[in-house]
Every structure is written in C-alpha cells, then in structure tokens.
Amino acid sequence: NPYWLWLGENRESLTKEAGSGKGSAVGKLAGQKWKTMSEAAKKPYEKKAEALKQEYAQKMADFVAAGGVKGKRKAEKAEAKAAKGGSKKARK
C-alpha cells in the first residue's frame, strides 16, 4: 500500500515532529499528512506499491507452479489453534 511505503520512509521525521514514539501519535500525524499530500507527491509511492504488488503476484505464481500451496501455513495455524481449544474470542 502506498501509504505504508511512505510511512516507512518518513517514520523518523514524523516521530520527531509528533514529539513521541507512540504508534498512535505517529500514525495520527502521518494520516493527516498523507491526506493533505497532492496526487503528484503520492504518485511515486503508488508506482512503487504497484511494482511490489506485481512482483508478489509473479513470485506467488512461481511458487504455486512449483507445487506450493497458497495459504497452507495460515490453514495449518488455524487447524492447530482449533485443536488446541479454539480462538481467544471463544474464551471471553
């Protein structure tokens, strides 16, 4: 996502400007700044995000073509959690 790419590159300056390293303070300031940025300023991050998305899609296609199973690890974790006694929501 373009926002996260921009945030990663600007986190240090945003942290200084926010006066706090707290994620909520930095995130709030970052969100405000991102919303006020021009489309031209956002464009490089959008292009980079699209390129990374295409790269991911190609790598996933290669993985599946080589016999890999998409989502296998997530499914295994869910099965293990269910066998162990369910989710956190069930315990509340």
N, C-alpha and C. Protein backbone atom coordinates (compact mmCIF):
# COMPACT_ATOMS: atom_id res chain seq x y z
N ASN A 1 0.85 -1.16 0.00
CA ASN A 1 0.00 0.00 0.00
C ASN A 1 0.90 1.24 0.00
N PRO A 2 0.60 2.21 -0.84
CA PRO A 2 1.46 3.40 -0.96
C PRO A 2 1.67 4.13 0.37
N TYR A 3 0.64 4.21 1.17
CA TYR A 3 0.74 4.89 2.46
C TYR A 3 1.82 4.26 3.34
N TRP A 4 1.84 2.94 3.41
CA TRP A 4 2.82 2.25 4.27
C TRP A 4 4.24 2.43 3.75
N LEU A 5 4.40 2.48 2.44
CA LEU A 5 5.72 2.74 1.88
C LEU A 5 6.19 4.14 2.26
N TRP A 6 5.30 5.11 2.14
CA TRP A 6 5.62 6.48 2.51
C TRP A 6 5.92 6.57 4.00
N LEU A 7 5.11 5.92 4.82
CA LEU A 7 5.31 5.95 6.27
C LEU A 7 6.67 5.35 6.64
N GLY A 8 7.04 4.25 6.00
CA GLY A 8 8.32 3.62 6.27
C GLY A 8 9.49 4.54 5.98
N GLU A 9 9.38 5.32 4.93
CA GLU A 9 10.46 6.24 4.56
C GLU A 9 10.48 7.49 5.44
N ASN A 10 9.36 7.84 6.04
CA ASN A 10 9.25 9.10 6.77
C ASN A 10 9.01 8.95 8.27
N ARG A 11 9.06 7.73 8.77
CA ARG A 11 8.73 7.50 10.18
C ARG A 11 9.61 8.30 11.14
N GLU A 12 10.91 8.35 10.87
CA GLU A 12 11.82 9.05 11.78
C GLU A 12 11.46 10.52 11.91
N SER A 13 11.24 11.20 10.78
CA SER A 13 10.89 12.62 10.85
C SER A 13 9.51 12.83 11.47
N LEU A 14 8.59 11.92 11.20
CA LEU A 14 7.25 12.03 11.79
C LEU A 14 7.31 11.83 13.30
N THR A 15 8.16 10.91 13.74
CA THR A 15 8.31 10.67 15.18
C THR A 15 8.83 11.92 15.87
N LYS A 16 9.82 12.57 15.26
CA LYS A 16 10.36 13.81 15.83
C LYS A 16 9.28 14.89 15.85
N GLU A 17 8.55 15.03 14.76
CA GLU A 17 7.53 16.06 14.68
C GLU A 17 6.39 15.80 15.66
N ALA A 18 6.05 14.54 15.85
CA ALA A 18 4.97 14.19 16.78
C ALA A 18 5.41 14.39 18.23
N GLY A 19 6.72 14.36 18.45
CA GLY A 19 7.23 14.53 19.81
C GLY A 19 7.07 13.29 20.66
N SER A 20 6.77 12.18 20.02
CA SER A 20 6.55 10.93 20.74
C SER A 20 6.79 9.76 19.79
N GLY A 21 7.28 8.68 20.36
CA GLY A 21 7.48 7.48 19.57
C GLY A 21 6.27 6.56 19.59
N LYS A 22 5.21 7.00 20.28
CA LYS A 22 4.00 6.18 20.38
C LYS A 22 3.39 6.00 19.00
N GLY A 23 3.04 4.78 18.68
CA GLY A 23 2.46 4.48 17.38
C GLY A 23 1.21 5.26 17.09
N SER A 24 0.38 5.49 18.10
CA SER A 24 -0.87 6.21 17.88
C SER A 24 -0.61 7.66 17.49
N ALA A 25 0.35 8.31 18.14
CA ALA A 25 0.66 9.71 17.84
C ALA A 25 1.27 9.84 16.45
N VAL A 26 2.21 8.96 16.14
CA VAL A 26 2.86 8.99 14.83
C VAL A 26 1.85 8.66 13.74
N GLY A 27 1.02 7.66 13.96
CA GLY A 27 0.02 7.25 12.98
C GLY A 27 -1.00 8.35 12.69
N LYS A 28 -1.41 9.04 13.72
CA LYS A 28 -2.38 10.12 13.55
C LYS A 28 -1.77 11.25 12.72
N LEU A 29 -0.55 11.66 13.05
CA LEU A 29 0.14 12.71 12.30
C LEU A 29 0.38 12.26 10.86
N ALA A 30 0.82 11.03 10.69
CA ALA A 30 1.09 10.51 9.35
C ALA A 30 -0.18 10.49 8.51
N GLY A 31 -1.27 10.06 9.08
CA GLY A 31 -2.54 10.03 8.37
C GLY A 31 -2.98 11.42 7.92
N GLN A 32 -2.81 12.39 8.79
CA GLN A 32 -3.16 13.76 8.44
C GLN A 32 -2.30 14.27 7.29
N LYS A 33 -1.00 14.01 7.38
CA LYS A 33 -0.08 14.48 6.33
C LYS A 33 -0.37 13.78 5.00
N TRP A 34 -0.62 12.47 5.04
CA TRP A 34 -0.89 11.72 3.82
C TRP A 34 -2.15 12.25 3.13
N LYS A 35 -3.17 12.54 3.90
CA LYS A 35 -4.43 13.03 3.33
C LYS A 35 -4.26 14.38 2.65
N THR A 36 -3.34 15.20 3.15
CA THR A 36 -3.14 16.53 2.58
C THR A 36 -2.11 16.56 1.45
N MET A 37 -1.44 15.45 1.22
CA MET A 37 -0.44 15.39 0.14
C MET A 37 -1.13 15.45 -1.22
N SER A 38 -0.47 16.08 -2.17
CA SER A 38 -1.02 16.15 -3.53
C SER A 38 -0.89 14.79 -4.22
N GLU A 39 -1.67 14.60 -5.26
CA GLU A 39 -1.61 13.36 -6.03
C GLU A 39 -0.21 13.18 -6.63
N ALA A 40 0.41 14.29 -7.04
CA ALA A 40 1.75 14.22 -7.62
C ALA A 40 2.77 13.74 -6.60
N ALA A 41 2.61 14.14 -5.33
CA ALA A 41 3.53 13.71 -4.28
C ALA A 41 3.31 12.24 -3.93
N LYS A 42 2.08 11.76 -4.07
CA LYS A 42 1.77 10.37 -3.76
C LYS A 42 2.15 9.43 -4.91
N LYS A 43 2.24 9.95 -6.11
CA LYS A 43 2.45 9.14 -7.31
C LYS A 43 3.64 8.18 -7.21
N PRO A 44 4.84 8.63 -6.75
CA PRO A 44 5.97 7.69 -6.68
C PRO A 44 5.69 6.49 -5.76
N TYR A 45 4.98 6.73 -4.69
CA TYR A 45 4.65 5.65 -3.76
C TYR A 45 3.62 4.70 -4.36
N GLU A 46 2.69 5.26 -5.13
CA GLU A 46 1.70 4.43 -5.79
C GLU A 46 2.34 3.55 -6.86
N LYS A 47 3.30 4.12 -7.59
CA LYS A 47 4.02 3.34 -8.61
C LYS A 47 4.83 2.22 -7.95
N LYS A 48 5.51 2.56 -6.86
CA LYS A 48 6.33 1.57 -6.16
C LYS A 48 5.45 0.45 -5.59
N ALA A 49 4.30 0.82 -5.03
CA ALA A 49 3.38 -0.18 -4.47
C ALA A 49 2.86 -1.10 -5.57
N GLU A 50 2.55 -0.54 -6.73
CA GLU A 50 2.06 -1.35 -7.84
C GLU A 50 3.15 -2.32 -8.32
N ALA A 51 4.39 -1.83 -8.38
CA ALA A 51 5.50 -2.70 -8.80
C ALA A 51 5.70 -3.84 -7.80
N LEU A 52 5.62 -3.53 -6.52
CA LEU A 52 5.77 -4.57 -5.50
C LEU A 52 4.62 -5.57 -5.55
N LYS A 53 3.43 -5.08 -5.85
CA LYS A 53 2.27 -5.97 -5.97
C LYS A 53 2.45 -6.93 -7.14
N GLN A 54 2.93 -6.41 -8.26
CA GLN A 54 3.19 -7.25 -9.43
C GLN A 54 4.28 -8.28 -9.14
N GLU A 55 5.32 -7.84 -8.44
CA GLU A 55 6.42 -8.75 -8.08
C GLU A 55 5.91 -9.87 -7.18
N TYR A 56 5.07 -9.53 -6.21
CA TYR A 56 4.50 -10.52 -5.32
C TYR A 56 3.65 -11.52 -6.10
N ALA A 57 2.82 -11.00 -7.00
CA ALA A 57 1.94 -11.87 -7.79
C ALA A 57 2.77 -12.85 -8.63
N GLN A 58 3.86 -12.37 -9.20
CA GLN A 58 4.72 -13.24 -10.01
C GLN A 58 5.38 -14.30 -9.14
N LYS A 59 5.89 -13.89 -7.98
CA LYS A 59 6.53 -14.86 -7.08
C LYS A 59 5.53 -15.90 -6.57
N MET A 60 4.30 -15.46 -6.31
CA MET A 60 3.28 -16.40 -5.85
C MET A 60 2.92 -17.38 -6.96
N ALA A 61 2.82 -16.88 -8.18
CA ALA A 61 2.53 -17.76 -9.31
C ALA A 61 3.65 -18.78 -9.51
N ASP A 62 4.89 -18.33 -9.37
CA ASP A 62 6.02 -19.25 -9.48
C ASP A 62 5.99 -20.30 -8.37
N PHE A 63 5.64 -19.87 -7.16
CA PHE A 63 5.57 -20.77 -6.02
C PHE A 63 4.50 -21.84 -6.23
N VAL A 64 3.33 -21.41 -6.69
CA VAL A 64 2.23 -22.36 -6.92
C VAL A 64 2.59 -23.30 -8.08
N ALA A 65 3.22 -22.77 -9.12
CA ALA A 65 3.62 -23.59 -10.26
C ALA A 65 4.65 -24.65 -9.87
N ALA A 66 5.45 -24.34 -8.84
CA ALA A 66 6.46 -25.28 -8.37
C ALA A 66 5.89 -26.30 -7.40
N GLY A 67 4.57 -26.25 -7.17
CA GLY A 67 3.93 -27.23 -6.29
C GLY A 67 3.56 -26.69 -4.93
N GLY A 68 3.81 -25.43 -4.69
CA GLY A 68 3.46 -24.83 -3.41
C GLY A 68 1.95 -24.66 -3.27
N VAL A 69 1.49 -24.56 -2.04
CA VAL A 69 0.07 -24.40 -1.77
C VAL A 69 -0.15 -23.05 -1.12
N LYS A 70 -0.90 -22.19 -1.80
CA LYS A 70 -1.18 -20.85 -1.30
C LYS A 70 -2.06 -20.94 -0.06
N GLY A 71 -1.66 -20.28 1.01
CA GLY A 71 -2.45 -20.25 2.23
C GLY A 71 -2.28 -21.46 3.13
N LYS A 72 -1.34 -22.33 2.82
CA LYS A 72 -1.16 -23.57 3.58
C LYS A 72 -0.78 -23.28 5.04
N ARG A 73 0.18 -22.38 5.25
CA ARG A 73 0.64 -22.10 6.61
C ARG A 73 -0.49 -21.51 7.46
N LYS A 74 -1.27 -20.60 6.89
CA LYS A 74 -2.38 -20.00 7.61
C LYS A 74 -3.41 -21.06 8.00
N ALA A 75 -3.69 -21.96 7.07
CA ALA A 75 -4.66 -23.03 7.34
C ALA A 75 -4.14 -23.96 8.44
N GLU A 76 -2.84 -24.28 8.39
CA GLU A 76 -2.25 -25.16 9.42
C GLU A 76 -2.32 -24.50 10.79
N LYS A 77 -2.06 -23.20 10.85
CA LYS A 77 -2.13 -22.50 12.14
C LYS A 77 -3.55 -22.49 12.66
N ALA A 78 -4.52 -22.29 11.79
CA ALA A 78 -5.93 -22.28 12.21
C ALA A 78 -6.35 -23.66 12.72
N GLU A 79 -5.90 -24.71 12.05
CA GLU A 79 -6.23 -26.07 12.49
C GLU A 79 -5.60 -26.36 13.85
N ALA A 80 -4.35 -25.94 14.03
CA ALA A 80 -3.68 -26.17 15.30
C ALA A 80 -4.37 -25.41 16.42
N LYS A 81 -4.80 -24.20 16.14
CA LYS A 81 -5.49 -23.39 17.13
C LYS A 81 -6.83 -24.03 17.50
N ALA A 82 -7.55 -24.52 16.51
CA ALA A 82 -8.84 -25.15 16.76
C ALA A 82 -8.67 -26.43 17.58
N ALA A 83 -7.62 -27.18 17.28
CA ALA A 83 -7.37 -28.42 18.01
C ALA A 83 -6.95 -28.14 19.45
N LYS A 84 -6.33 -26.99 19.66
CA LYS A 84 -5.84 -26.63 20.98
C LYS A 84 -6.96 -26.11 21.88
N GLY A 85 -8.06 -25.70 21.30
CA GLY A 85 -9.16 -25.24 22.15
C GLY A 85 -9.86 -24.02 21.64
N GLY A 86 -9.67 -23.67 20.40
CA GLY A 86 -10.42 -22.56 19.83
C GLY A 86 -9.67 -21.25 19.87
N SER A 87 -10.40 -20.21 19.58
CA SER A 87 -9.81 -18.89 19.49
C SER A 87 -9.96 -18.14 20.81
N LYS A 88 -9.32 -16.97 20.86
CA LYS A 88 -9.41 -16.11 22.04
C LYS A 88 -10.83 -15.64 22.26
N LYS A 89 -11.55 -15.42 21.16
CA LYS A 89 -12.94 -14.94 21.27
C LYS A 89 -13.80 -15.96 22.01
N ALA A 90 -13.52 -17.23 21.82
CA ALA A 90 -14.32 -18.27 22.46
C ALA A 90 -14.09 -18.30 23.97
N ARG A 91 -12.90 -17.85 24.40
CA ARG A 91 -12.58 -17.90 25.82
C ARG A 91 -13.14 -16.73 26.61
N LYS A 92 -13.55 -15.66 25.95
CA LYS A 92 -14.02 -14.48 26.67
C LYS A 92 -15.39 -14.66 27.24
